[in-house]
Amino acid sequence: MGKAGKALKQVLDYYNITQSKLARGLGVEAEMLNVVTKLYIVIYSSPIKGENVNIS
């Protein structure tokens, strides 16, 4: 499991929801969730330090 998959699993476990329920809520196929998660990680990571940026 890659970085995106691990991040997605942590979020799903934390909120106690299934991958298919999240996919339905987002209007995407369940298989696309890792792609969406990976894109999110790439967009919100620091190119200098390689760490996640606090966006709150």
N, C-alpha and C. Protein backbone atom coordinates (compact mmCIF):
# COMPACT_ATOMS: atom_id res chain seq x y z
N MET A 1 0.86 -1.17 0.00
CA MET A 1 0.00 0.00 0.00
C MET A 1 0.90 1.23 0.00
N GLY A 2 0.63 2.13 -0.90
CA GLY A 2 1.42 3.35 -1.02
C GLY A 2 1.02 4.40 -0.01
N LYS A 3 1.67 5.53 -0.10
CA LYS A 3 1.43 6.65 0.82
C LYS A 3 -0.03 7.11 0.77
N ALA A 4 -0.57 7.22 -0.43
CA ALA A 4 -1.97 7.66 -0.57
C ALA A 4 -2.93 6.65 0.04
N GLY A 5 -2.67 5.39 -0.19
CA GLY A 5 -3.53 4.35 0.36
C GLY A 5 -3.52 4.33 1.87
N LYS A 6 -2.33 4.51 2.46
CA LYS A 6 -2.20 4.55 3.92
C LYS A 6 -2.93 5.76 4.50
N ALA A 7 -2.78 6.90 3.85
CA ALA A 7 -3.46 8.11 4.33
C ALA A 7 -4.97 7.93 4.25
N LEU A 8 -5.43 7.38 3.15
CA LEU A 8 -6.87 7.14 2.98
C LEU A 8 -7.39 6.18 4.04
N LYS A 9 -6.65 5.10 4.30
CA LYS A 9 -7.07 4.13 5.30
C LYS A 9 -7.15 4.76 6.68
N GLN A 10 -6.20 5.61 7.03
CA GLN A 10 -6.23 6.29 8.33
C GLN A 10 -7.47 7.16 8.47
N VAL A 11 -7.80 7.90 7.43
CA VAL A 11 -8.99 8.76 7.48
C VAL A 11 -10.25 7.92 7.60
N LEU A 12 -10.35 6.88 6.80
CA LEU A 12 -11.54 6.02 6.85
C LEU A 12 -11.69 5.36 8.22
N ASP A 13 -10.58 4.87 8.77
CA ASP A 13 -10.63 4.24 10.10
C ASP A 13 -11.01 5.25 11.17
N TYR A 14 -10.45 6.45 11.10
CA TYR A 14 -10.72 7.48 12.09
C TYR A 14 -12.20 7.85 12.14
N TYR A 15 -12.79 8.01 10.95
CA TYR A 15 -14.20 8.40 10.88
C TYR A 15 -15.15 7.21 10.82
N ASN A 16 -14.59 6.00 10.86
CA ASN A 16 -15.37 4.77 10.87
C ASN A 16 -16.36 4.71 9.70
N ILE A 17 -15.84 4.97 8.50
CA ILE A 17 -16.67 4.87 7.30
C ILE A 17 -15.99 3.94 6.30
N THR A 18 -16.78 3.40 5.40
CA THR A 18 -16.23 2.49 4.41
C THR A 18 -15.75 3.27 3.18
N GLN A 19 -14.87 2.63 2.44
CA GLN A 19 -14.36 3.25 1.23
C GLN A 19 -15.48 3.46 0.22
N SER A 20 -16.40 2.51 0.13
CA SER A 20 -17.49 2.65 -0.84
C SER A 20 -18.44 3.79 -0.45
N LYS A 21 -18.67 3.98 0.85
CA LYS A 21 -19.54 5.08 1.30
C LYS A 21 -18.90 6.43 0.97
N LEU A 22 -17.60 6.56 1.19
CA LEU A 22 -16.89 7.79 0.86
C LEU A 22 -16.94 8.04 -0.64
N ALA A 23 -16.72 7.00 -1.42
CA ALA A 23 -16.76 7.13 -2.88
C ALA A 23 -18.12 7.61 -3.35
N ARG A 24 -19.18 7.03 -2.80
CA ARG A 24 -20.53 7.46 -3.18
C ARG A 24 -20.74 8.93 -2.83
N GLY A 25 -20.28 9.35 -1.65
CA GLY A 25 -20.43 10.74 -1.23
C GLY A 25 -19.69 11.70 -2.14
N LEU A 26 -18.55 11.26 -2.66
CA LEU A 26 -17.75 12.10 -3.56
C LEU A 26 -18.20 11.99 -5.01
N GLY A 27 -19.03 10.99 -5.28
CA GLY A 27 -19.50 10.78 -6.65
C GLY A 27 -18.45 10.18 -7.55
N VAL A 28 -17.56 9.34 -6.98
CA VAL A 28 -16.52 8.69 -7.78
C VAL A 28 -16.57 7.18 -7.52
N GLU A 29 -15.89 6.43 -8.38
CA GLU A 29 -15.76 4.99 -8.17
C GLU A 29 -14.78 4.76 -7.03
N ALA A 30 -15.00 3.70 -6.25
CA ALA A 30 -14.14 3.40 -5.11
C ALA A 30 -12.67 3.28 -5.51
N GLU A 31 -12.42 2.75 -6.71
CA GLU A 31 -11.05 2.57 -7.17
C GLU A 31 -10.33 3.90 -7.38
N MET A 32 -11.08 4.98 -7.55
CA MET A 32 -10.48 6.29 -7.80
C MET A 32 -10.05 7.00 -6.51
N LEU A 33 -10.46 6.50 -5.35
CA LEU A 33 -10.15 7.19 -4.10
C LEU A 33 -8.65 7.32 -3.86
N ASN A 34 -7.87 6.29 -4.16
CA ASN A 34 -6.42 6.39 -3.97
C ASN A 34 -5.82 7.45 -4.88
N VAL A 35 -6.33 7.57 -6.09
CA VAL A 35 -5.84 8.59 -7.03
C VAL A 35 -6.15 9.98 -6.49
N VAL A 36 -7.39 10.17 -6.02
CA VAL A 36 -7.79 11.46 -5.46
C VAL A 36 -6.96 11.79 -4.23
N THR A 37 -6.75 10.81 -3.36
CA THR A 37 -5.96 11.02 -2.15
C THR A 37 -4.52 11.37 -2.49
N LYS A 38 -3.94 10.67 -3.45
CA LYS A 38 -2.56 10.94 -3.85
C LYS A 38 -2.43 12.35 -4.41
N LEU A 39 -3.38 12.77 -5.22
CA LEU A 39 -3.38 14.12 -5.77
C LEU A 39 -3.44 15.15 -4.66
N TYR A 40 -4.29 14.92 -3.67
CA TYR A 40 -4.42 15.83 -2.53
C TYR A 40 -3.09 15.94 -1.78
N ILE A 41 -2.43 14.80 -1.55
CA ILE A 41 -1.15 14.80 -0.85
C ILE A 41 -0.10 15.58 -1.63
N VAL A 42 -0.05 15.39 -2.95
CA VAL A 42 0.92 16.10 -3.78
C VAL A 42 0.65 17.60 -3.78
N ILE A 43 -0.61 17.99 -3.89
CA ILE A 43 -0.95 19.42 -3.94
C ILE A 43 -0.62 20.12 -2.63
N TYR A 44 -0.87 19.45 -1.50
CA TYR A 44 -0.69 20.10 -0.20
C TYR A 44 0.59 19.68 0.51
N SER A 45 1.62 19.30 -0.24
CA SER A 45 2.90 18.99 0.39
C SER A 45 3.89 20.09 0.06
N SER A 46 4.80 20.31 0.97
CA SER A 46 5.80 21.35 0.81
C SER A 46 6.90 20.87 -0.13
N PRO A 47 7.16 21.58 -1.23
CA PRO A 47 8.22 21.16 -2.14
C PRO A 47 9.61 21.34 -1.55
N ILE A 48 9.75 22.15 -0.51
CA ILE A 48 11.06 22.39 0.08
C ILE A 48 11.37 21.35 1.15
N LYS A 49 10.46 21.17 2.10
CA LYS A 49 10.71 20.26 3.21
C LYS A 49 10.15 18.86 2.96
N GLY A 50 9.25 18.73 1.99
CA GLY A 50 8.64 17.43 1.74
C GLY A 50 7.67 17.02 2.82
N GLU A 51 7.13 17.98 3.54
CA GLU A 51 6.19 17.69 4.62
C GLU A 51 4.83 18.26 4.25
N ASN A 52 3.81 17.73 4.90
CA ASN A 52 2.46 18.25 4.66
C ASN A 52 2.36 19.66 5.20
N VAL A 53 1.66 20.49 4.47
CA VAL A 53 1.46 21.88 4.85
C VAL A 53 0.18 21.99 5.65
N ASN A 54 0.21 22.74 6.73
CA ASN A 54 -1.00 22.98 7.52
C ASN A 54 -1.87 23.96 6.76
N ILE A 55 -3.04 23.48 6.29
CA ILE A 55 -3.90 24.34 5.48
C ILE A 55 -5.07 24.90 6.28
N SER A 56 -5.08 24.67 7.59
CA SER A 56 -6.19 25.18 8.40
C SER A 56 -5.94 26.60 8.85
